[in-house]
Amino acid sequence: MSSDTSHDRPVILINGMASNFETQWRRGGWVDSLESAGRTVIGVDLPGHGTSKDAVGRDAADLVLDEAAKHGSVDAIGFSAGAWALLLAACERPALFERIAVLGAADMVLTAGLHHETMQKPLIEGLRSADEPTDNPMALAIRAMIADAGNDREAVAGHLASSHRFVTVEGLGAIKATALVVDGGADAAGPSDLVAETIPNATRLTVDGADHFDIPGSKQCQKAVETFINSAG
């Protein structure tokens, strides 16, 4: 365990797909709340999103690791694709991460290979279509989120179409950080049982009735994560 206190470490926030730091975390009130508790907050946008628009070919975990390495020890919060990037970073460089909270990291993404670019092909095609893909509700929803966040649709599609590393079950077992795993009781992608059980020092919170995209907007989730991240140690 690190000898510093939580307030000595910055908190890195990693958004989910189609969003960015400003819309996911600042608009959602996370940044103001963490800063009011004395924390330094650093945003890391996924490749192809927000300030990382031109980093389409990079791996999301590497963007997280680049930022974490500047500080030596960090806490971090990630949602959905951002959660998976954080888990990979924390297993590859475990000494950099003290406390991590992963939101919406459903087991099925890992166990059913939903993260592979081949599995993402219908969504990628829906994002790149000149016409609205009315036969693909997920693509329609993601397009709306991209527009709301002010992201570039082609850049987001490019990120999805790029091959990248992904954490394994064995990798989850190598994580040294104290972790909080938050899932939604109504998430169509399912629960995070395997993730919570495999990370050695993890606790779990299920937000009852929350679908996938409801999780970061849940006041229950935000309060629990902030209490966890701001805990001493």
C-alpha atoms as a PDB file:
ATOM      1  CA  MET A   1       0.000   0.000   0.000  1.00  0.00           C
ATOM      2  CA  SER A   2       1.275   3.444  -0.920  1.00  0.00           C
ATOM      3  CA  SER A   3       2.282   5.713   1.975  1.00  0.00           C
ATOM      4  CA  ASP A   4       0.586   8.780   0.468  1.00  0.00           C
ATOM      5  CA  THR A   5      -3.006   9.763   1.031  1.00  0.00           C
ATOM      6  CA  SER A   6      -5.709   9.798  -1.599  1.00  0.00           C
ATOM      7  CA  HIS A   7      -5.578  13.595  -1.860  1.00  0.00           C
ATOM      8  CA  ASP A   8      -1.950  13.427  -2.992  1.00  0.00           C
ATOM      9  CA  ARG A   9      -2.953  11.440  -6.061  1.00  0.00           C
ATOM     10  CA  PRO A  10      -4.773  12.814  -9.100  1.00  0.00           C
ATOM     11  CA  VAL A  11      -7.936  11.113 -10.297  1.00  0.00           C
ATOM     12  CA  ILE A  12      -8.003  10.118 -13.960  1.00  0.00           C
ATOM     13  CA  LEU A  13     -11.450   9.902 -15.575  1.00  0.00           C
ATOM     14  CA  ILE A  14     -11.934   7.868 -18.780  1.00  0.00           C
ATOM     15  CA  ASN A  15     -15.177   8.216 -20.719  1.00  0.00           C
ATOM     16  CA  GLY A  16     -17.275   5.600 -22.465  1.00  0.00           C
ATOM     17  CA  MET A  17     -17.700   5.257 -26.210  1.00  0.00           C
ATOM     18  CA  ALA A  18     -19.343   8.191 -28.050  1.00  0.00           C
ATOM     19  CA  SER A  19     -18.952  10.547 -25.077  1.00  0.00           C
ATOM     20  CA  ASN A  20     -15.944  12.507 -23.843  1.00  0.00           C
ATOM     21  CA  PHE A  21     -14.554  13.995 -20.647  1.00  0.00           C
ATOM     22  CA  GLU A  22     -16.590  17.179 -20.891  1.00  0.00           C
ATOM     23  CA  THR A  23     -19.986  15.555 -21.463  1.00  0.00           C
ATOM     24  CA  GLN A  24     -19.516  12.371 -19.437  1.00  0.00           C
ATOM     25  CA  TRP A  25     -17.843  13.741 -16.366  1.00  0.00           C
ATOM     26  CA  ARG A  26     -17.956  17.534 -16.240  1.00  0.00           C
ATOM     27  CA  ARG A  27     -21.572  17.895 -17.383  1.00  0.00           C
ATOM     28  CA  GLY A  28     -22.516  14.985 -15.139  1.00  0.00           C
ATOM     29  CA  GLY A  29     -21.176  16.799 -12.057  1.00  0.00           C
ATOM     30  CA  TRP A  30     -18.335  14.403 -11.316  1.00  0.00           C
ATOM     31  CA  VAL A  31     -15.539  16.906 -11.881  1.00  0.00           C
ATOM     32  CA  ASP A  32     -16.958  19.627  -9.645  1.00  0.00           C
ATOM     33  CA  SER A  33     -17.730  17.146  -6.891  1.00  0.00           C
ATOM     34  CA  LEU A  34     -14.280  15.569  -6.914  1.00  0.00           C
ATOM     35  CA  GLU A  35     -12.537  18.931  -7.062  1.00  0.00           C
ATOM     36  CA  SER A  36     -14.637  20.238  -4.182  1.00  0.00           C
ATOM     37  CA  ALA A  37     -13.291  17.305  -2.157  1.00  0.00           C
ATOM     38  CA  GLY A  38      -9.757  18.507  -2.879  1.00  0.00           C
ATOM     39  CA  ARG A  39      -8.897  16.132  -5.694  1.00  0.00           C
ATOM     40  CA  THR A  40      -7.007  16.994  -8.871  1.00  0.00           C
ATOM     41  CA  VAL A  41      -9.005  15.666 -11.819  1.00  0.00           C
ATOM     42  CA  ILE A  42      -7.472  14.701 -15.164  1.00  0.00           C
ATOM     43  CA  GLY A  43      -9.531  13.662 -18.167  1.00  0.00           C
ATOM     44  CA  VAL A  44      -8.367  11.059 -20.670  1.00  0.00           C
ATOM     45  CA  ASP A  45     -10.580  10.846 -23.746  1.00  0.00           C
ATOM     46  CA  LEU A  46     -10.784   7.576 -25.650  1.00  0.00           C
ATOM     47  CA  PRO A  47      -8.989   7.581 -29.024  1.00  0.00           C
ATOM     48  CA  GLY A  48     -11.166   9.276 -31.637  1.00  0.00           C
ATOM     49  CA  HIS A  49     -13.097  11.146 -28.937  1.00  0.00           C
ATOM     50  CA  GLY A  50     -12.840  14.692 -27.616  1.00  0.00           C
ATOM     51  CA  THR A  51      -9.276  15.901 -27.250  1.00  0.00           C
ATOM     52  CA  SER A  52      -8.033  12.486 -28.479  1.00  0.00           C
ATOM     53  CA  LYS A  53      -9.779  12.873 -31.849  1.00  0.00           C
ATOM     54  CA  ASP A  54      -6.489  12.531 -33.734  1.00  0.00           C
ATOM     55  CA  ALA A  55      -5.300   9.503 -31.718  1.00  0.00           C
ATOM     56  CA  VAL A  56      -7.566   7.048 -33.562  1.00  0.00           C
ATOM     57  CA  GLY A  57      -4.791   4.516 -34.154  1.00  0.00           C
ATOM     58  CA  ARG A  58      -3.638   4.441 -30.550  1.00  0.00           C
ATOM     59  CA  ASP A  59      -4.686   2.045 -27.838  1.00  0.00           C
ATOM     60  CA  ALA A  60      -6.928   3.540 -25.164  1.00  0.00           C
ATOM     61  CA  ALA A  61      -4.951   1.847 -22.391  1.00  0.00           C
ATOM     62  CA  ASP A  62      -1.765   3.516 -23.617  1.00  0.00           C
ATOM     63  CA  LEU A  63      -3.362   6.957 -23.299  1.00  0.00           C
ATOM     64  CA  VAL A  64      -4.257   6.090 -19.705  1.00  0.00           C
ATOM     65  CA  LEU A  65      -0.775   4.741 -18.997  1.00  0.00           C
ATOM     66  CA  ASP A  66       0.904   7.805 -20.515  1.00  0.00           C
ATOM     67  CA  GLU A  67      -1.003  10.059 -18.132  1.00  0.00           C
ATOM     68  CA  ALA A  68      -0.611   7.810 -15.077  1.00  0.00           C
ATOM     69  CA  ALA A  69       3.149   7.530 -15.611  1.00  0.00           C
ATOM     70  CA  LYS A  70       3.490  11.310 -15.308  1.00  0.00           C
ATOM     71  CA  HIS A  71       2.349  11.101 -11.680  1.00  0.00           C
ATOM     72  CA  GLY A  72       3.685   7.756 -10.450  1.00  0.00           C
ATOM     73  CA  SER A  73       0.557   6.895  -8.486  1.00  0.00           C
ATOM     74  CA  VAL A  74      -3.034   7.669  -9.453  1.00  0.00           C
ATOM     75  CA  ASP A  75      -6.626   6.795  -8.743  1.00  0.00           C
ATOM     76  CA  ALA A  76      -8.905   6.348 -11.744  1.00  0.00           C
ATOM     77  CA  ILE A  77     -12.527   5.961 -12.790  1.00  0.00           C
ATOM     78  CA  GLY A  78     -13.632   4.531 -16.132  1.00  0.00           C
ATOM     79  CA  PHE A  79     -17.003   3.863 -17.720  1.00  0.00           C
ATOM     80  CA  SER A  80     -17.752   1.125 -20.284  1.00  0.00           C
ATOM     81  CA  ALA A  81     -14.982   1.207 -22.931  1.00  0.00           C
ATOM     82  CA  GLY A  82     -13.114   3.523 -20.575  1.00  0.00           C
ATOM     83  CA  ALA A  83     -13.459   0.946 -17.803  1.00  0.00           C
ATOM     84  CA  TRP A  84     -11.945  -1.758 -19.998  1.00  0.00           C
ATOM     85  CA  ALA A  85      -9.079   0.556 -20.956  1.00  0.00           C
ATOM     86  CA  LEU A  86      -8.474   1.214 -17.267  1.00  0.00           C
ATOM     87  CA  LEU A  87      -8.523  -2.496 -16.393  1.00  0.00           C
ATOM     88  CA  LEU A  88      -5.953  -3.242 -19.093  1.00  0.00           C
ATOM     89  CA  ALA A  89      -3.736  -0.379 -17.952  1.00  0.00           C
ATOM     90  CA  ALA A  90      -4.007  -1.482 -14.305  1.00  0.00           C
ATOM     91  CA  CYS A  91      -3.006  -5.048 -15.109  1.00  0.00           C
ATOM     92  CA  GLU A  92      -0.066  -4.045 -17.324  1.00  0.00           C
ATOM     93  CA  ARG A  93       1.351  -1.433 -14.917  1.00  0.00           C
ATOM     94  CA  PRO A  94      -0.192  -2.320 -11.555  1.00  0.00           C
ATOM     95  CA  ALA A  95       2.165  -0.152  -9.498  1.00  0.00           C
ATOM     96  CA  LEU A  96       0.730   3.013 -11.060  1.00  0.00           C
ATOM     97  CA  PHE A  97      -2.809   2.529  -9.768  1.00  0.00           C
ATOM     98  CA  GLU A  98      -3.905   2.751  -6.131  1.00  0.00           C
ATOM     99  CA  ARG A  99      -7.710   2.821  -6.302  1.00  0.00           C
ATOM    100  CA  ILE A 100      -9.805   2.218  -9.411  1.00  0.00           C
ATOM    101  CA  ALA A 101     -13.544   2.262 -10.037  1.00  0.00           C
ATOM    102  CA  VAL A 102     -14.862   0.531 -13.158  1.00  0.00           C
ATOM    103  CA  LEU A 103     -18.436   1.234 -14.238  1.00  0.00           C
ATOM    104  CA  GLY A 104     -20.366  -0.869 -16.740  1.00  0.00           C
ATOM    105  CA  ALA A 105     -17.634  -3.449 -17.420  1.00  0.00           C
ATOM    106  CA  ALA A 106     -20.035  -6.296 -18.191  1.00  0.00           C
ATOM    107  CA  ASP A 107     -18.568  -9.798 -18.274  1.00  0.00           C
ATOM    108  CA  MET A 108     -20.126 -10.549 -21.664  1.00  0.00           C
ATOM    109  CA  VAL A 109     -17.847  -8.040 -23.389  1.00  0.00           C
ATOM    110  CA  LEU A 110     -14.903 -10.180 -22.296  1.00  0.00           C
ATOM    111  CA  THR A 111     -16.373 -13.684 -22.387  1.00  0.00           C
ATOM    112  CA  ALA A 112     -18.269 -13.301 -25.678  1.00  0.00           C
ATOM    113  CA  GLY A 113     -15.580 -11.271 -27.420  1.00  0.00           C
ATOM    114  CA  LEU A 114     -17.875  -8.300 -27.984  1.00  0.00           C
ATOM    115  CA  HIS A 115     -14.836  -6.019 -28.041  1.00  0.00           C
ATOM    116  CA  HIS A 116     -13.414  -7.511 -31.254  1.00  0.00           C
ATOM    117  CA  GLU A 117     -13.606  -5.234 -34.278  1.00  0.00           C
ATOM    118  CA  THR A 118     -15.382  -8.012 -36.215  1.00  0.00           C
ATOM    119  CA  MET A 119     -18.167  -8.006 -33.627  1.00  0.00           C
ATOM    120  CA  GLN A 120     -18.349  -4.227 -33.889  1.00  0.00           C
ATOM    121  CA  LYS A 121     -18.759  -4.269 -37.684  1.00  0.00           C
ATOM    122  CA  PRO A 122     -22.556  -3.582 -37.797  1.00  0.00           C
ATOM    123  CA  LEU A 123     -22.099  -0.631 -35.443  1.00  0.00           C
ATOM    124  CA  ILE A 124     -19.151   0.700 -37.430  1.00  0.00           C
ATOM    125  CA  GLU A 125     -21.153   0.486 -40.645  1.00  0.00           C
ATOM    126  CA  GLY A 126     -24.068   2.229 -38.950  1.00  0.00           C
ATOM    127  CA  LEU A 127     -21.831   5.066 -37.824  1.00  0.00           C
ATOM    128  CA  ARG A 128     -20.294   5.477 -41.266  1.00  0.00           C
ATOM    129  CA  SER A 129     -23.573   5.298 -43.167  1.00  0.00           C
ATOM    130  CA  ALA A 130     -24.615   8.469 -44.966  1.00  0.00           C
ATOM    131  CA  ASP A 131     -28.212   7.675 -44.050  1.00  0.00           C
ATOM    132  CA  GLU A 132     -29.609   7.075 -40.593  1.00  0.00           C
ATOM    133  CA  PRO A 133     -29.440   3.305 -39.916  1.00  0.00           C
ATOM    134  CA  THR A 134     -33.063   2.902 -38.829  1.00  0.00           C
ATOM    135  CA  ASP A 135     -32.624  -0.884 -38.747  1.00  0.00           C
ATOM    136  CA  ASN A 136     -29.841  -0.586 -36.127  1.00  0.00           C
ATOM    137  CA  PRO A 137     -31.149   0.978 -32.871  1.00  0.00           C
ATOM    138  CA  MET A 138     -27.740   0.842 -31.197  1.00  0.00           C
ATOM    139  CA  ALA A 139     -26.086   2.707 -34.063  1.00  0.00           C
ATOM    140  CA  LEU A 140     -28.846   5.322 -33.935  1.00  0.00           C
ATOM    141  CA  ALA A 141     -28.337   5.772 -30.191  1.00  0.00           C
ATOM    142  CA  ILE A 142     -24.563   6.012 -30.508  1.00  0.00           C
ATOM    143  CA  ARG A 143     -24.851   8.512 -33.369  1.00  0.00           C
ATOM    144  CA  ALA A 144     -27.058  10.685 -31.167  1.00  0.00           C
ATOM    145  CA  MET A 145     -24.545  10.482 -28.303  1.00  0.00           C
ATOM    146  CA  ILE A 146     -21.688  11.380 -30.637  1.00  0.00           C
ATOM    147  CA  ALA A 147     -23.587  14.432 -31.876  1.00  0.00           C
ATOM    148  CA  ASP A 148     -24.503  15.487 -28.341  1.00  0.00           C
ATOM    149  CA  ALA A 149     -20.855  15.288 -27.274  1.00  0.00           C
ATOM    150  CA  GLY A 150     -19.615  17.167 -30.324  1.00  0.00           C
ATOM    151  CA  ASN A 151     -17.428  14.233 -31.354  1.00  0.00           C
ATOM    152  CA  ASP A 152     -16.459  13.323 -34.905  1.00  0.00           C
ATOM    153  CA  ARG A 153     -18.477  10.312 -36.069  1.00  0.00           C
ATOM    154  CA  GLU A 154     -15.799   9.044 -38.466  1.00  0.00           C
ATOM    155  CA  ALA A 155     -13.113   9.319 -35.782  1.00  0.00           C
ATOM    156  CA  VAL A 156     -15.226   7.286 -33.350  1.00  0.00           C
ATOM    157  CA  ALA A 157     -15.910   4.700 -36.059  1.00  0.00           C
ATOM    158  CA  GLY A 158     -12.194   4.596 -36.834  1.00  0.00           C
ATOM    159  CA  HIS A 159     -11.415   3.834 -33.214  1.00  0.00           C
ATOM    160  CA  LEU A 160     -13.934   0.978 -33.185  1.00  0.00           C
ATOM    161  CA  ALA A 161     -12.474  -0.405 -36.404  1.00  0.00           C
ATOM    162  CA  SER A 162      -8.912  -0.403 -35.053  1.00  0.00           C
ATOM    163  CA  SER A 163      -7.432  -3.518 -33.510  1.00  0.00           C
ATOM    164  CA  HIS A 164      -6.284  -3.071 -29.937  1.00  0.00           C
ATOM    165  CA  ARG A 165      -5.205  -4.985 -26.862  1.00  0.00           C
ATOM    166  CA  PHE A 166      -7.840  -6.138 -24.405  1.00  0.00           C
ATOM    167  CA  VAL A 167      -7.555  -7.341 -20.824  1.00  0.00           C
ATOM    168  CA  THR A 168      -7.796 -11.085 -20.182  1.00  0.00           C
ATOM    169  CA  VAL A 169      -9.195 -12.955 -17.201  1.00  0.00           C
ATOM    170  CA  GLU A 170      -5.615 -13.712 -16.171  1.00  0.00           C
ATOM    171  CA  GLY A 171      -4.828 -10.017 -16.486  1.00  0.00           C
ATOM    172  CA  LEU A 172      -7.644  -9.111 -14.116  1.00  0.00           C
ATOM    173  CA  GLY A 173      -5.975 -11.321 -11.535  1.00  0.00           C
ATOM    174  CA  ALA A 174      -2.750  -9.295 -11.806  1.00  0.00           C
ATOM    175  CA  ILE A 175      -4.369  -6.019 -10.783  1.00  0.00           C
ATOM    176  CA  LYS A 176      -2.984  -4.709  -7.480  1.00  0.00           C
ATOM    177  CA  ALA A 177      -5.242  -1.680  -7.084  1.00  0.00           C
ATOM    178  CA  THR A 178      -8.120  -1.672  -4.656  1.00  0.00           C
ATOM    179  CA  ALA A 179     -11.154  -1.754  -6.946  1.00  0.00           C
ATOM    180  CA  LEU A 180     -14.837  -0.928  -6.949  1.00  0.00           C
ATOM    181  CA  VAL A 181     -16.852  -2.651  -9.691  1.00  0.00           C
ATOM    182  CA  VAL A 182     -20.203  -1.032 -10.493  1.00  0.00           C
ATOM    183  CA  ASP A 183     -22.755  -2.701 -12.741  1.00  0.00           C
ATOM    184  CA  GLY A 184     -26.371  -2.018 -13.613  1.00  0.00           C
ATOM    185  CA  GLY A 185     -29.158  -4.361 -12.625  1.00  0.00           C
ATOM    186  CA  ALA A 186     -30.875  -3.828 -15.991  1.00  0.00           C
ATOM    187  CA  ASP A 187     -27.767  -3.658 -18.189  1.00  0.00           C
ATOM    188  CA  ALA A 188     -28.523  -5.538 -21.417  1.00  0.00           C
ATOM    189  CA  ALA A 189     -24.879  -6.629 -21.525  1.00  0.00           C
ATOM    190  CA  GLY A 190     -25.330  -8.382 -18.185  1.00  0.00           C
ATOM    191  CA  PRO A 191     -23.555  -8.242 -14.824  1.00  0.00           C
ATOM    192  CA  SER A 192     -19.901  -7.909 -13.857  1.00  0.00           C
ATOM    193  CA  ASP A 193     -19.657 -11.074 -11.748  1.00  0.00           C
ATOM    194  CA  LEU A 194     -16.427 -12.381 -13.281  1.00  0.00           C
ATOM    195  CA  VAL A 195     -14.729  -8.989 -13.201  1.00  0.00           C
ATOM    196  CA  ALA A 196     -15.566  -8.408  -9.539  1.00  0.00           C
ATOM    197  CA  GLU A 197     -14.626 -11.939  -8.506  1.00  0.00           C
ATOM    198  CA  THR A 198     -11.307 -12.052 -10.389  1.00  0.00           C
ATOM    199  CA  ILE A 199      -9.744  -8.750  -9.330  1.00  0.00           C
ATOM    200  CA  PRO A 200      -8.031  -9.708  -6.050  1.00  0.00           C
ATOM    201  CA  ASN A 201      -9.071  -6.691  -3.962  1.00  0.00           C
ATOM    202  CA  ALA A 202     -12.469  -5.706  -5.358  1.00  0.00           C
ATOM    203  CA  THR A 203     -15.883  -4.881  -4.004  1.00  0.00           C
ATOM    204  CA  ARG A 204     -19.027  -4.654  -6.079  1.00  0.00           C
ATOM    205  CA  LEU A 205     -22.042  -2.368  -6.303  1.00  0.00           C
ATOM    206  CA  THR A 206     -25.097  -3.142  -8.420  1.00  0.00           C
ATOM    207  CA  VAL A 207     -27.321  -0.177  -9.233  1.00  0.00           C
ATOM    208  CA  ASP A 208     -30.815  -1.659  -9.255  1.00  0.00           C
ATOM    209  CA  GLY A 209     -32.848  -0.939 -12.375  1.00  0.00           C
ATOM    210  CA  ALA A 210     -29.990   0.833 -14.165  1.00  0.00           C
ATOM    211  CA  ASP A 211     -29.418   0.132 -17.842  1.00  0.00           C
ATOM    212  CA  HIS A 212     -25.878   0.432 -19.195  1.00  0.00           C
ATOM    213  CA  PHE A 213     -25.952   4.130 -20.034  1.00  0.00           C
ATOM    214  CA  ASP A 214     -27.774   4.969 -16.783  1.00  0.00           C
ATOM    215  CA  ILE A 215     -24.865   3.899 -14.595  1.00  0.00           C
ATOM    216  CA  PRO A 216     -22.642   7.027 -14.598  1.00  0.00           C
ATOM    217  CA  GLY A 217     -25.683   9.276 -14.171  1.00  0.00           C
ATOM    218  CA  SER A 218     -26.872   7.400 -11.094  1.00  0.00           C
ATOM    219  CA  LYS A 219     -26.531   9.447  -7.903  1.00  0.00           C
ATOM    220  CA  GLN A 220     -26.119   6.198  -5.973  1.00  0.00           C
ATOM    221  CA  CYS A 221     -23.213   5.256  -8.215  1.00  0.00           C
ATOM    222  CA  GLN A 222     -21.574   8.669  -8.071  1.00  0.00           C
ATOM    223  CA  LYS A 223     -21.798   8.895  -4.281  1.00  0.00           C
ATOM    224  CA  ALA A 224     -20.421   5.382  -3.779  1.00  0.00           C
ATOM    225  CA  VAL A 225     -17.567   5.883  -6.245  1.00  0.00           C
ATOM    226  CA  GLU A 226     -16.537   9.233  -4.790  1.00  0.00           C
ATOM    227  CA  THR A 227     -16.607   7.853  -1.248  1.00  0.00           C
ATOM    228  CA  PHE A 228     -14.447   4.941  -2.416  1.00  0.00           C
ATOM    229  CA  ILE A 229     -11.993   7.069  -4.426  1.00  0.00           C
ATOM    230  CA  ASN A 230     -11.604   9.598  -1.613  1.00  0.00           C
ATOM    231  CA  SER A 231     -10.979   6.980   1.064  1.00  0.00           C
ATOM    232  CA  ALA A 232      -7.629   7.241   2.813  1.00  0.00           C
ATOM    233  CA  GLY A 233      -4.801   5.011   1.673  1.00  0.00           C
END
